[in-house]
Amino acid sequence: HEVHVAYQTSGNIAVHDYDALRFIE
């Protein structure tokens, strides 16, 4: 089947600050 997945929201509030800092680094 021709499957499309659509992520409705960004989910950006559900990320720990330390994970964000790790990616910035």
PDBML (XML) file of the C-alpha atoms, coordinates in Angstrom:
<?xml version="1.0" encoding="UTF-8" ?>
<PDBx:datablock datablockName="MODEL"
   xmlns:PDBx="http://pdbml.pdb.org/schema/pdbx-v50.xsd"
   xmlns:xsi="http://www.w3.org/2001/XMLSchema-instance"
   xsi:schemaLocation="http://pdbml.pdb.org/schema/pdbx-v50.xsd pdbx-v50.xsd">
   <PDBx:atom_siteCategory>
      <PDBx:atom_site id="1">
         <PDBx:B_iso_or_equiv>0.00</PDBx:B_iso_or_equiv>
         <PDBx:Cartn_x>0.000</PDBx:Cartn_x>
         <PDBx:Cartn_y>0.000</PDBx:Cartn_y>
         <PDBx:Cartn_z>0.000</PDBx:Cartn_z>
         <PDBx:auth_asym_id>A</PDBx:auth_asym_id>
         <PDBx:auth_atom_id>CA</PDBx:auth_atom_id>
         <PDBx:auth_comp_id>HIS</PDBx:auth_comp_id>
         <PDBx:auth_seq_id>1</PDBx:auth_seq_id>
         <PDBx:group_PDB>ATOM</PDBx:group_PDB>
         <PDBx:label_alt_id xsi:nil="true" />
         <PDBx:label_asym_id>A</PDBx:label_asym_id>
         <PDBx:label_atom_id>CA</PDBx:label_atom_id>
         <PDBx:label_comp_id>HIS</PDBx:label_comp_id>
         <PDBx:label_entity_id>1</PDBx:label_entity_id>
         <PDBx:label_seq_id>1</PDBx:label_seq_id>
         <PDBx:occupancy>1.00</PDBx:occupancy>
         <PDBx:pdbx_PDB_model_num>1</PDBx:pdbx_PDB_model_num>
         <PDBx:type_symbol>C</PDBx:type_symbol>
      </PDBx:atom_site>
      <PDBx:atom_site id="2">
         <PDBx:B_iso_or_equiv>0.00</PDBx:B_iso_or_equiv>
         <PDBx:Cartn_x>1.047</PDBx:Cartn_x>
         <PDBx:Cartn_y>3.615</PDBx:Cartn_y>
         <PDBx:Cartn_z>-0.560</PDBx:Cartn_z>
         <PDBx:auth_asym_id>A</PDBx:auth_asym_id>
         <PDBx:auth_atom_id>CA</PDBx:auth_atom_id>
         <PDBx:auth_comp_id>GLU</PDBx:auth_comp_id>
         <PDBx:auth_seq_id>2</PDBx:auth_seq_id>
         <PDBx:group_PDB>ATOM</PDBx:group_PDB>
         <PDBx:label_alt_id xsi:nil="true" />
         <PDBx:label_asym_id>A</PDBx:label_asym_id>
         <PDBx:label_atom_id>CA</PDBx:label_atom_id>
         <PDBx:label_comp_id>GLU</PDBx:label_comp_id>
         <PDBx:label_entity_id>1</PDBx:label_entity_id>
         <PDBx:label_seq_id>2</PDBx:label_seq_id>
         <PDBx:occupancy>1.00</PDBx:occupancy>
         <PDBx:pdbx_PDB_model_num>1</PDBx:pdbx_PDB_model_num>
         <PDBx:type_symbol>C</PDBx:type_symbol>
      </PDBx:atom_site>
      <PDBx:atom_site id="3">
         <PDBx:B_iso_or_equiv>0.00</PDBx:B_iso_or_equiv>
         <PDBx:Cartn_x>1.409</PDBx:Cartn_x>
         <PDBx:Cartn_y>4.633</PDBx:Cartn_y>
         <PDBx:Cartn_z>3.099</PDBx:Cartn_z>
         <PDBx:auth_asym_id>A</PDBx:auth_asym_id>
         <PDBx:auth_atom_id>CA</PDBx:auth_atom_id>
         <PDBx:auth_comp_id>VAL</PDBx:auth_comp_id>
         <PDBx:auth_seq_id>3</PDBx:auth_seq_id>
         <PDBx:group_PDB>ATOM</PDBx:group_PDB>
         <PDBx:label_alt_id xsi:nil="true" />
         <PDBx:label_asym_id>A</PDBx:label_asym_id>
         <PDBx:label_atom_id>CA</PDBx:label_atom_id>
         <PDBx:label_comp_id>VAL</PDBx:label_comp_id>
         <PDBx:label_entity_id>1</PDBx:label_entity_id>
         <PDBx:label_seq_id>3</PDBx:label_seq_id>
         <PDBx:occupancy>1.00</PDBx:occupancy>
         <PDBx:pdbx_PDB_model_num>1</PDBx:pdbx_PDB_model_num>
         <PDBx:type_symbol>C</PDBx:type_symbol>
      </PDBx:atom_site>
      <PDBx:atom_site id="4">
         <PDBx:B_iso_or_equiv>0.00</PDBx:B_iso_or_equiv>
         <PDBx:Cartn_x>1.852</PDBx:Cartn_x>
         <PDBx:Cartn_y>8.228</PDBx:Cartn_y>
         <PDBx:Cartn_z>4.204</PDBx:Cartn_z>
         <PDBx:auth_asym_id>A</PDBx:auth_asym_id>
         <PDBx:auth_atom_id>CA</PDBx:auth_atom_id>
         <PDBx:auth_comp_id>HIS</PDBx:auth_comp_id>
         <PDBx:auth_seq_id>4</PDBx:auth_seq_id>
         <PDBx:group_PDB>ATOM</PDBx:group_PDB>
         <PDBx:label_alt_id xsi:nil="true" />
         <PDBx:label_asym_id>A</PDBx:label_asym_id>
         <PDBx:label_atom_id>CA</PDBx:label_atom_id>
         <PDBx:label_comp_id>HIS</PDBx:label_comp_id>
         <PDBx:label_entity_id>1</PDBx:label_entity_id>
         <PDBx:label_seq_id>4</PDBx:label_seq_id>
         <PDBx:occupancy>1.00</PDBx:occupancy>
         <PDBx:pdbx_PDB_model_num>1</PDBx:pdbx_PDB_model_num>
         <PDBx:type_symbol>C</PDBx:type_symbol>
      </PDBx:atom_site>
      <PDBx:atom_site id="5">
         <PDBx:B_iso_or_equiv>0.00</PDBx:B_iso_or_equiv>
         <PDBx:Cartn_x>2.515</PDBx:Cartn_x>
         <PDBx:Cartn_y>9.084</PDBx:Cartn_y>
         <PDBx:Cartn_z>7.840</PDBx:Cartn_z>
         <PDBx:auth_asym_id>A</PDBx:auth_asym_id>
         <PDBx:auth_atom_id>CA</PDBx:auth_atom_id>
         <PDBx:auth_comp_id>VAL</PDBx:auth_comp_id>
         <PDBx:auth_seq_id>5</PDBx:auth_seq_id>
         <PDBx:group_PDB>ATOM</PDBx:group_PDB>
         <PDBx:label_alt_id xsi:nil="true" />
         <PDBx:label_asym_id>A</PDBx:label_asym_id>
         <PDBx:label_atom_id>CA</PDBx:label_atom_id>
         <PDBx:label_comp_id>VAL</PDBx:label_comp_id>
         <PDBx:label_entity_id>1</PDBx:label_entity_id>
         <PDBx:label_seq_id>5</PDBx:label_seq_id>
         <PDBx:occupancy>1.00</PDBx:occupancy>
         <PDBx:pdbx_PDB_model_num>1</PDBx:pdbx_PDB_model_num>
         <PDBx:type_symbol>C</PDBx:type_symbol>
      </PDBx:atom_site>
      <PDBx:atom_site id="6">
         <PDBx:B_iso_or_equiv>0.00</PDBx:B_iso_or_equiv>
         <PDBx:Cartn_x>1.545</PDBx:Cartn_x>
         <PDBx:Cartn_y>12.568</PDBx:Cartn_y>
         <PDBx:Cartn_z>9.038</PDBx:Cartn_z>
         <PDBx:auth_asym_id>A</PDBx:auth_asym_id>
         <PDBx:auth_atom_id>CA</PDBx:auth_atom_id>
         <PDBx:auth_comp_id>ALA</PDBx:auth_comp_id>
         <PDBx:auth_seq_id>6</PDBx:auth_seq_id>
         <PDBx:group_PDB>ATOM</PDBx:group_PDB>
         <PDBx:label_alt_id xsi:nil="true" />
         <PDBx:label_asym_id>A</PDBx:label_asym_id>
         <PDBx:label_atom_id>CA</PDBx:label_atom_id>
         <PDBx:label_comp_id>ALA</PDBx:label_comp_id>
         <PDBx:label_entity_id>1</PDBx:label_entity_id>
         <PDBx:label_seq_id>6</PDBx:label_seq_id>
         <PDBx:occupancy>1.00</PDBx:occupancy>
         <PDBx:pdbx_PDB_model_num>1</PDBx:pdbx_PDB_model_num>
         <PDBx:type_symbol>C</PDBx:type_symbol>
      </PDBx:atom_site>
      <PDBx:atom_site id="7">
         <PDBx:B_iso_or_equiv>0.00</PDBx:B_iso_or_equiv>
         <PDBx:Cartn_x>2.923</PDBx:Cartn_x>
         <PDBx:Cartn_y>13.770</PDBx:Cartn_y>
         <PDBx:Cartn_z>12.377</PDBx:Cartn_z>
         <PDBx:auth_asym_id>A</PDBx:auth_asym_id>
         <PDBx:auth_atom_id>CA</PDBx:auth_atom_id>
         <PDBx:auth_comp_id>TYR</PDBx:auth_comp_id>
         <PDBx:auth_seq_id>7</PDBx:auth_seq_id>
         <PDBx:group_PDB>ATOM</PDBx:group_PDB>
         <PDBx:label_alt_id xsi:nil="true" />
         <PDBx:label_asym_id>A</PDBx:label_asym_id>
         <PDBx:label_atom_id>CA</PDBx:label_atom_id>
         <PDBx:label_comp_id>TYR</PDBx:label_comp_id>
         <PDBx:label_entity_id>1</PDBx:label_entity_id>
         <PDBx:label_seq_id>7</PDBx:label_seq_id>
         <PDBx:occupancy>1.00</PDBx:occupancy>
         <PDBx:pdbx_PDB_model_num>1</PDBx:pdbx_PDB_model_num>
         <PDBx:type_symbol>C</PDBx:type_symbol>
      </PDBx:atom_site>
      <PDBx:atom_site id="8">
         <PDBx:B_iso_or_equiv>0.00</PDBx:B_iso_or_equiv>
         <PDBx:Cartn_x>0.313</PDBx:Cartn_x>
         <PDBx:Cartn_y>16.241</PDBx:Cartn_y>
         <PDBx:Cartn_z>13.553</PDBx:Cartn_z>
         <PDBx:auth_asym_id>A</PDBx:auth_asym_id>
         <PDBx:auth_atom_id>CA</PDBx:auth_atom_id>
         <PDBx:auth_comp_id>GLN</PDBx:auth_comp_id>
         <PDBx:auth_seq_id>8</PDBx:auth_seq_id>
         <PDBx:group_PDB>ATOM</PDBx:group_PDB>
         <PDBx:label_alt_id xsi:nil="true" />
         <PDBx:label_asym_id>A</PDBx:label_asym_id>
         <PDBx:label_atom_id>CA</PDBx:label_atom_id>
         <PDBx:label_comp_id>GLN</PDBx:label_comp_id>
         <PDBx:label_entity_id>1</PDBx:label_entity_id>
         <PDBx:label_seq_id>8</PDBx:label_seq_id>
         <PDBx:occupancy>1.00</PDBx:occupancy>
         <PDBx:pdbx_PDB_model_num>1</PDBx:pdbx_PDB_model_num>
         <PDBx:type_symbol>C</PDBx:type_symbol>
      </PDBx:atom_site>
      <PDBx:atom_site id="9">
         <PDBx:B_iso_or_equiv>0.00</PDBx:B_iso_or_equiv>
         <PDBx:Cartn_x>2.336</PDBx:Cartn_x>
         <PDBx:Cartn_y>18.051</PDBx:Cartn_y>
         <PDBx:Cartn_z>16.225</PDBx:Cartn_z>
         <PDBx:auth_asym_id>A</PDBx:auth_asym_id>
         <PDBx:auth_atom_id>CA</PDBx:auth_atom_id>
         <PDBx:auth_comp_id>THR</PDBx:auth_comp_id>
         <PDBx:auth_seq_id>9</PDBx:auth_seq_id>
         <PDBx:group_PDB>ATOM</PDBx:group_PDB>
         <PDBx:label_alt_id xsi:nil="true" />
         <PDBx:label_asym_id>A</PDBx:label_asym_id>
         <PDBx:label_atom_id>CA</PDBx:label_atom_id>
         <PDBx:label_comp_id>THR</PDBx:label_comp_id>
         <PDBx:label_entity_id>1</PDBx:label_entity_id>
         <PDBx:label_seq_id>9</PDBx:label_seq_id>
         <PDBx:occupancy>1.00</PDBx:occupancy>
         <PDBx:pdbx_PDB_model_num>1</PDBx:pdbx_PDB_model_num>
         <PDBx:type_symbol>C</PDBx:type_symbol>
      </PDBx:atom_site>
      <PDBx:atom_site id="10">
         <PDBx:B_iso_or_equiv>0.00</PDBx:B_iso_or_equiv>
         <PDBx:Cartn_x>6.001</PDBx:Cartn_x>
         <PDBx:Cartn_y>18.783</PDBx:Cartn_y>
         <PDBx:Cartn_z>16.748</PDBx:Cartn_z>
         <PDBx:auth_asym_id>A</PDBx:auth_asym_id>
         <PDBx:auth_atom_id>CA</PDBx:auth_atom_id>
         <PDBx:auth_comp_id>SER</PDBx:auth_comp_id>
         <PDBx:auth_seq_id>10</PDBx:auth_seq_id>
         <PDBx:group_PDB>ATOM</PDBx:group_PDB>
         <PDBx:label_alt_id xsi:nil="true" />
         <PDBx:label_asym_id>A</PDBx:label_asym_id>
         <PDBx:label_atom_id>CA</PDBx:label_atom_id>
         <PDBx:label_comp_id>SER</PDBx:label_comp_id>
         <PDBx:label_entity_id>1</PDBx:label_entity_id>
         <PDBx:label_seq_id>10</PDBx:label_seq_id>
         <PDBx:occupancy>1.00</PDBx:occupancy>
         <PDBx:pdbx_PDB_model_num>1</PDBx:pdbx_PDB_model_num>
         <PDBx:type_symbol>C</PDBx:type_symbol>
      </PDBx:atom_site>
      <PDBx:atom_site id="11">
         <PDBx:B_iso_or_equiv>0.00</PDBx:B_iso_or_equiv>
         <PDBx:Cartn_x>6.144</PDBx:Cartn_x>
         <PDBx:Cartn_y>17.187</PDBx:Cartn_y>
         <PDBx:Cartn_z>20.205</PDBx:Cartn_z>
         <PDBx:auth_asym_id>A</PDBx:auth_asym_id>
         <PDBx:auth_atom_id>CA</PDBx:auth_atom_id>
         <PDBx:auth_comp_id>GLY</PDBx:auth_comp_id>
         <PDBx:auth_seq_id>11</PDBx:auth_seq_id>
         <PDBx:group_PDB>ATOM</PDBx:group_PDB>
         <PDBx:label_alt_id xsi:nil="true" />
         <PDBx:label_asym_id>A</PDBx:label_asym_id>
         <PDBx:label_atom_id>CA</PDBx:label_atom_id>
         <PDBx:label_comp_id>GLY</PDBx:label_comp_id>
         <PDBx:label_entity_id>1</PDBx:label_entity_id>
         <PDBx:label_seq_id>11</PDBx:label_seq_id>
         <PDBx:occupancy>1.00</PDBx:occupancy>
         <PDBx:pdbx_PDB_model_num>1</PDBx:pdbx_PDB_model_num>
         <PDBx:type_symbol>C</PDBx:type_symbol>
      </PDBx:atom_site>
      <PDBx:atom_site id="12">
         <PDBx:B_iso_or_equiv>0.00</PDBx:B_iso_or_equiv>
         <PDBx:Cartn_x>8.755</PDBx:Cartn_x>
         <PDBx:Cartn_y>19.800</PDBx:Cartn_y>
         <PDBx:Cartn_z>21.068</PDBx:Cartn_z>
         <PDBx:auth_asym_id>A</PDBx:auth_asym_id>
         <PDBx:auth_atom_id>CA</PDBx:auth_atom_id>
         <PDBx:auth_comp_id>ASN</PDBx:auth_comp_id>
         <PDBx:auth_seq_id>12</PDBx:auth_seq_id>
         <PDBx:group_PDB>ATOM</PDBx:group_PDB>
         <PDBx:label_alt_id xsi:nil="true" />
         <PDBx:label_asym_id>A</PDBx:label_asym_id>
         <PDBx:label_atom_id>CA</PDBx:label_atom_id>
         <PDBx:label_comp_id>ASN</PDBx:label_comp_id>
         <PDBx:label_entity_id>1</PDBx:label_entity_id>
         <PDBx:label_seq_id>12</PDBx:label_seq_id>
         <PDBx:occupancy>1.00</PDBx:occupancy>
         <PDBx:pdbx_PDB_model_num>1</PDBx:pdbx_PDB_model_num>
         <PDBx:type_symbol>C</PDBx:type_symbol>
      </PDBx:atom_site>
      <PDBx:atom_site id="13">
         <PDBx:B_iso_or_equiv>0.00</PDBx:B_iso_or_equiv>
         <PDBx:Cartn_x>7.758</PDBx:Cartn_x>
         <PDBx:Cartn_y>20.215</PDBx:Cartn_y>
         <PDBx:Cartn_z>24.712</PDBx:Cartn_z>
         <PDBx:auth_asym_id>A</PDBx:auth_asym_id>
         <PDBx:auth_atom_id>CA</PDBx:auth_atom_id>
         <PDBx:auth_comp_id>ILE</PDBx:auth_comp_id>
         <PDBx:auth_seq_id>13</PDBx:auth_seq_id>
         <PDBx:group_PDB>ATOM</PDBx:group_PDB>
         <PDBx:label_alt_id xsi:nil="true" />
         <PDBx:label_asym_id>A</PDBx:label_asym_id>
         <PDBx:label_atom_id>CA</PDBx:label_atom_id>
         <PDBx:label_comp_id>ILE</PDBx:label_comp_id>
         <PDBx:label_entity_id>1</PDBx:label_entity_id>
         <PDBx:label_seq_id>13</PDBx:label_seq_id>
         <PDBx:occupancy>1.00</PDBx:occupancy>
         <PDBx:pdbx_PDB_model_num>1</PDBx:pdbx_PDB_model_num>
         <PDBx:type_symbol>C</PDBx:type_symbol>
      </PDBx:atom_site>
      <PDBx:atom_site id="14">
         <PDBx:B_iso_or_equiv>0.00</PDBx:B_iso_or_equiv>
         <PDBx:Cartn_x>8.441</PDBx:Cartn_x>
         <PDBx:Cartn_y>16.529</PDBx:Cartn_y>
         <PDBx:Cartn_z>25.393</PDBx:Cartn_z>
         <PDBx:auth_asym_id>A</PDBx:auth_asym_id>
         <PDBx:auth_atom_id>CA</PDBx:auth_atom_id>
         <PDBx:auth_comp_id>ALA</PDBx:auth_comp_id>
         <PDBx:auth_seq_id>14</PDBx:auth_seq_id>
         <PDBx:group_PDB>ATOM</PDBx:group_PDB>
         <PDBx:label_alt_id xsi:nil="true" />
         <PDBx:label_asym_id>A</PDBx:label_asym_id>
         <PDBx:label_atom_id>CA</PDBx:label_atom_id>
         <PDBx:label_comp_id>ALA</PDBx:label_comp_id>
         <PDBx:label_entity_id>1</PDBx:label_entity_id>
         <PDBx:label_seq_id>14</PDBx:label_seq_id>
         <PDBx:occupancy>1.00</PDBx:occupancy>
         <PDBx:pdbx_PDB_model_num>1</PDBx:pdbx_PDB_model_num>
         <PDBx:type_symbol>C</PDBx:type_symbol>
      </PDBx:atom_site>
      <PDBx:atom_site id="15">
         <PDBx:B_iso_or_equiv>0.00</PDBx:B_iso_or_equiv>
         <PDBx:Cartn_x>12.231</PDBx:Cartn_x>
         <PDBx:Cartn_y>16.735</PDBx:Cartn_y>
         <PDBx:Cartn_z>25.122</PDBx:Cartn_z>
         <PDBx:auth_asym_id>A</PDBx:auth_asym_id>
         <PDBx:auth_atom_id>CA</PDBx:auth_atom_id>
         <PDBx:auth_comp_id>VAL</PDBx:auth_comp_id>
         <PDBx:auth_seq_id>15</PDBx:auth_seq_id>
         <PDBx:group_PDB>ATOM</PDBx:group_PDB>
         <PDBx:label_alt_id xsi:nil="true" />
         <PDBx:label_asym_id>A</PDBx:label_asym_id>
         <PDBx:label_atom_id>CA</PDBx:label_atom_id>
         <PDBx:label_comp_id>VAL</PDBx:label_comp_id>
         <PDBx:label_entity_id>1</PDBx:label_entity_id>
         <PDBx:label_seq_id>15</PDBx:label_seq_id>
         <PDBx:occupancy>1.00</PDBx:occupancy>
         <PDBx:pdbx_PDB_model_num>1</PDBx:pdbx_PDB_model_num>
         <PDBx:type_symbol>C</PDBx:type_symbol>
      </PDBx:atom_site>
      <PDBx:atom_site id="16">
         <PDBx:B_iso_or_equiv>0.00</PDBx:B_iso_or_equiv>
         <PDBx:Cartn_x>14.483</PDBx:Cartn_x>
         <PDBx:Cartn_y>17.087</PDBx:Cartn_y>
         <PDBx:Cartn_z>28.155</PDBx:Cartn_z>
         <PDBx:auth_asym_id>A</PDBx:auth_asym_id>
         <PDBx:auth_atom_id>CA</PDBx:auth_atom_id>
         <PDBx:auth_comp_id>HIS</PDBx:auth_comp_id>
         <PDBx:auth_seq_id>16</PDBx:auth_seq_id>
         <PDBx:group_PDB>ATOM</PDBx:group_PDB>
         <PDBx:label_alt_id xsi:nil="true" />
         <PDBx:label_asym_id>A</PDBx:label_asym_id>
         <PDBx:label_atom_id>CA</PDBx:label_atom_id>
         <PDBx:label_comp_id>HIS</PDBx:label_comp_id>
         <PDBx:label_entity_id>1</PDBx:label_entity_id>
         <PDBx:label_seq_id>16</PDBx:label_seq_id>
         <PDBx:occupancy>1.00</PDBx:occupancy>
         <PDBx:pdbx_PDB_model_num>1</PDBx:pdbx_PDB_model_num>
         <PDBx:type_symbol>C</PDBx:type_symbol>
      </PDBx:atom_site>
      <PDBx:atom_site id="17">
         <PDBx:B_iso_or_equiv>0.00</PDBx:B_iso_or_equiv>
         <PDBx:Cartn_x>16.689</PDBx:Cartn_x>
         <PDBx:Cartn_y>20.170</PDBx:Cartn_y>
         <PDBx:Cartn_z>28.302</PDBx:Cartn_z>
         <PDBx:auth_asym_id>A</PDBx:auth_asym_id>
         <PDBx:auth_atom_id>CA</PDBx:auth_atom_id>
         <PDBx:auth_comp_id>ASP</PDBx:auth_comp_id>
         <PDBx:auth_seq_id>17</PDBx:auth_seq_id>
         <PDBx:group_PDB>ATOM</PDBx:group_PDB>
         <PDBx:label_alt_id xsi:nil="true" />
         <PDBx:label_asym_id>A</PDBx:label_asym_id>
         <PDBx:label_atom_id>CA</PDBx:label_atom_id>
         <PDBx:label_comp_id>ASP</PDBx:label_comp_id>
         <PDBx:label_entity_id>1</PDBx:label_entity_id>
         <PDBx:label_seq_id>17</PDBx:label_seq_id>
         <PDBx:occupancy>1.00</PDBx:occupancy>
         <PDBx:pdbx_PDB_model_num>1</PDBx:pdbx_PDB_model_num>
         <PDBx:type_symbol>C</PDBx:type_symbol>
      </PDBx:atom_site>
      <PDBx:atom_site id="18">
         <PDBx:B_iso_or_equiv>0.00</PDBx:B_iso_or_equiv>
         <PDBx:Cartn_x>19.804</PDBx:Cartn_x>
         <PDBx:Cartn_y>17.993</PDBx:Cartn_y>
         <PDBx:Cartn_z>28.557</PDBx:Cartn_z>
         <PDBx:auth_asym_id>A</PDBx:auth_asym_id>
         <PDBx:auth_atom_id>CA</PDBx:auth_atom_id>
         <PDBx:auth_comp_id>TYR</PDBx:auth_comp_id>
         <PDBx:auth_seq_id>18</PDBx:auth_seq_id>
         <PDBx:group_PDB>ATOM</PDBx:group_PDB>
         <PDBx:label_alt_id xsi:nil="true" />
         <PDBx:label_asym_id>A</PDBx:label_asym_id>
         <PDBx:label_atom_id>CA</PDBx:label_atom_id>
         <PDBx:label_comp_id>TYR</PDBx:label_comp_id>
         <PDBx:label_entity_id>1</PDBx:label_entity_id>
         <PDBx:label_seq_id>18</PDBx:label_seq_id>
         <PDBx:occupancy>1.00</PDBx:occupancy>
         <PDBx:pdbx_PDB_model_num>1</PDBx:pdbx_PDB_model_num>
         <PDBx:type_symbol>C</PDBx:type_symbol>
      </PDBx:atom_site>
      <PDBx:atom_site id="19">
         <PDBx:B_iso_or_equiv>0.00</PDBx:B_iso_or_equiv>
         <PDBx:Cartn_x>18.910</PDBx:Cartn_x>
         <PDBx:Cartn_y>16.327</PDBx:Cartn_y>
         <PDBx:Cartn_z>25.256</PDBx:Cartn_z>
         <PDBx:auth_asym_id>A</PDBx:auth_asym_id>
         <PDBx:auth_atom_id>CA</PDBx:auth_atom_id>
         <PDBx:auth_comp_id>ASP</PDBx:auth_comp_id>
         <PDBx:auth_seq_id>19</PDBx:auth_seq_id>
         <PDBx:group_PDB>ATOM</PDBx:group_PDB>
         <PDBx:label_alt_id xsi:nil="true" />
         <PDBx:label_asym_id>A</PDBx:label_asym_id>
         <PDBx:label_atom_id>CA</PDBx:label_atom_id>
         <PDBx:label_comp_id>ASP</PDBx:label_comp_id>
         <PDBx:label_entity_id>1</PDBx:label_entity_id>
         <PDBx:label_seq_id>19</PDBx:label_seq_id>
         <PDBx:occupancy>1.00</PDBx:occupancy>
         <PDBx:pdbx_PDB_model_num>1</PDBx:pdbx_PDB_model_num>
         <PDBx:type_symbol>C</PDBx:type_symbol>
      </PDBx:atom_site>
      <PDBx:atom_site id="20">
         <PDBx:B_iso_or_equiv>0.00</PDBx:B_iso_or_equiv>
         <PDBx:Cartn_x>18.571</PDBx:Cartn_x>
         <PDBx:Cartn_y>19.722</PDBx:Cartn_y>
         <PDBx:Cartn_z>23.588</PDBx:Cartn_z>
         <PDBx:auth_asym_id>A</PDBx:auth_asym_id>
         <PDBx:auth_atom_id>CA</PDBx:auth_atom_id>
         <PDBx:auth_comp_id>ALA</PDBx:auth_comp_id>
         <PDBx:auth_seq_id>20</PDBx:auth_seq_id>
         <PDBx:group_PDB>ATOM</PDBx:group_PDB>
         <PDBx:label_alt_id xsi:nil="true" />
         <PDBx:label_asym_id>A</PDBx:label_asym_id>
         <PDBx:label_atom_id>CA</PDBx:label_atom_id>
         <PDBx:label_comp_id>ALA</PDBx:label_comp_id>
         <PDBx:label_entity_id>1</PDBx:label_entity_id>
         <PDBx:label_seq_id>20</PDBx:label_seq_id>
         <PDBx:occupancy>1.00</PDBx:occupancy>
         <PDBx:pdbx_PDB_model_num>1</PDBx:pdbx_PDB_model_num>
         <PDBx:type_symbol>C</PDBx:type_symbol>
      </PDBx:atom_site>
      <PDBx:atom_site id="21">
         <PDBx:B_iso_or_equiv>0.00</PDBx:B_iso_or_equiv>
         <PDBx:Cartn_x>21.927</PDBx:Cartn_x>
         <PDBx:Cartn_y>20.815</PDBx:Cartn_y>
         <PDBx:Cartn_z>25.011</PDBx:Cartn_z>
         <PDBx:auth_asym_id>A</PDBx:auth_asym_id>
         <PDBx:auth_atom_id>CA</PDBx:auth_atom_id>
         <PDBx:auth_comp_id>LEU</PDBx:auth_comp_id>
         <PDBx:auth_seq_id>21</PDBx:auth_seq_id>
         <PDBx:group_PDB>ATOM</PDBx:group_PDB>
         <PDBx:label_alt_id xsi:nil="true" />
         <PDBx:label_asym_id>A</PDBx:label_asym_id>
         <PDBx:label_atom_id>CA</PDBx:label_atom_id>
         <PDBx:label_comp_id>LEU</PDBx:label_comp_id>
         <PDBx:label_entity_id>1</PDBx:label_entity_id>
         <PDBx:label_seq_id>21</PDBx:label_seq_id>
         <PDBx:occupancy>1.00</PDBx:occupancy>
         <PDBx:pdbx_PDB_model_num>1</PDBx:pdbx_PDB_model_num>
         <PDBx:type_symbol>C</PDBx:type_symbol>
      </PDBx:atom_site>
      <PDBx:atom_site id="22">
         <PDBx:B_iso_or_equiv>0.00</PDBx:B_iso_or_equiv>
         <PDBx:Cartn_x>23.550</PDBx:Cartn_x>
         <PDBx:Cartn_y>17.609</PDBx:Cartn_y>
         <PDBx:Cartn_z>23.783</PDBx:Cartn_z>
         <PDBx:auth_asym_id>A</PDBx:auth_asym_id>
         <PDBx:auth_atom_id>CA</PDBx:auth_atom_id>
         <PDBx:auth_comp_id>ARG</PDBx:auth_comp_id>
         <PDBx:auth_seq_id>22</PDBx:auth_seq_id>
         <PDBx:group_PDB>ATOM</PDBx:group_PDB>
         <PDBx:label_alt_id xsi:nil="true" />
         <PDBx:label_asym_id>A</PDBx:label_asym_id>
         <PDBx:label_atom_id>CA</PDBx:label_atom_id>
         <PDBx:label_comp_id>ARG</PDBx:label_comp_id>
         <PDBx:label_entity_id>1</PDBx:label_entity_id>
         <PDBx:label_seq_id>22</PDBx:label_seq_id>
         <PDBx:occupancy>1.00</PDBx:occupancy>
         <PDBx:pdbx_PDB_model_num>1</PDBx:pdbx_PDB_model_num>
         <PDBx:type_symbol>C</PDBx:type_symbol>
      </PDBx:atom_site>
      <PDBx:atom_site id="23">
         <PDBx:B_iso_or_equiv>0.00</PDBx:B_iso_or_equiv>
         <PDBx:Cartn_x>22.376</PDBx:Cartn_x>
         <PDBx:Cartn_y>18.292</PDBx:Cartn_y>
         <PDBx:Cartn_z>20.224</PDBx:Cartn_z>
         <PDBx:auth_asym_id>A</PDBx:auth_asym_id>
         <PDBx:auth_atom_id>CA</PDBx:auth_atom_id>
         <PDBx:auth_comp_id>PHE</PDBx:auth_comp_id>
         <PDBx:auth_seq_id>23</PDBx:auth_seq_id>
         <PDBx:group_PDB>ATOM</PDBx:group_PDB>
         <PDBx:label_alt_id xsi:nil="true" />
         <PDBx:label_asym_id>A</PDBx:label_asym_id>
         <PDBx:label_atom_id>CA</PDBx:label_atom_id>
         <PDBx:label_comp_id>PHE</PDBx:label_comp_id>
         <PDBx:label_entity_id>1</PDBx:label_entity_id>
         <PDBx:label_seq_id>23</PDBx:label_seq_id>
         <PDBx:occupancy>1.00</PDBx:occupancy>
         <PDBx:pdbx_PDB_model_num>1</PDBx:pdbx_PDB_model_num>
         <PDBx:type_symbol>C</PDBx:type_symbol>
      </PDBx:atom_site>
      <PDBx:atom_site id="24">
         <PDBx:B_iso_or_equiv>0.00</PDBx:B_iso_or_equiv>
         <PDBx:Cartn_x>23.479</PDBx:Cartn_x>
         <PDBx:Cartn_y>21.925</PDBx:Cartn_y>
         <PDBx:Cartn_z>20.388</PDBx:Cartn_z>
         <PDBx:auth_asym_id>A</PDBx:auth_asym_id>
         <PDBx:auth_atom_id>CA</PDBx:auth_atom_id>
         <PDBx:auth_comp_id>ILE</PDBx:auth_comp_id>
         <PDBx:auth_seq_id>24</PDBx:auth_seq_id>
         <PDBx:group_PDB>ATOM</PDBx:group_PDB>
         <PDBx:label_alt_id xsi:nil="true" />
         <PDBx:label_asym_id>A</PDBx:label_asym_id>
         <PDBx:label_atom_id>CA</PDBx:label_atom_id>
         <PDBx:label_comp_id>ILE</PDBx:label_comp_id>
         <PDBx:label_entity_id>1</PDBx:label_entity_id>
         <PDBx:label_seq_id>24</PDBx:label_seq_id>
         <PDBx:occupancy>1.00</PDBx:occupancy>
         <PDBx:pdbx_PDB_model_num>1</PDBx:pdbx_PDB_model_num>
         <PDBx:type_symbol>C</PDBx:type_symbol>
      </PDBx:atom_site>
      <PDBx:atom_site id="25">
         <PDBx:B_iso_or_equiv>0.00</PDBx:B_iso_or_equiv>
         <PDBx:Cartn_x>26.944</PDBx:Cartn_x>
         <PDBx:Cartn_y>20.756</PDBx:Cartn_y>
         <PDBx:Cartn_z>21.441</PDBx:Cartn_z>
         <PDBx:auth_asym_id>A</PDBx:auth_asym_id>
         <PDBx:auth_atom_id>CA</PDBx:auth_atom_id>
         <PDBx:auth_comp_id>GLU</PDBx:auth_comp_id>
         <PDBx:auth_seq_id>25</PDBx:auth_seq_id>
         <PDBx:group_PDB>ATOM</PDBx:group_PDB>
         <PDBx:label_alt_id xsi:nil="true" />
         <PDBx:label_asym_id>A</PDBx:label_asym_id>
         <PDBx:label_atom_id>CA</PDBx:label_atom_id>
         <PDBx:label_comp_id>GLU</PDBx:label_comp_id>
         <PDBx:label_entity_id>1</PDBx:label_entity_id>
         <PDBx:label_seq_id>25</PDBx:label_seq_id>
         <PDBx:occupancy>1.00</PDBx:occupancy>
         <PDBx:pdbx_PDB_model_num>1</PDBx:pdbx_PDB_model_num>
         <PDBx:type_symbol>C</PDBx:type_symbol>
      </PDBx:atom_site>
   </PDBx:atom_siteCategory>
</PDBx:datablock>
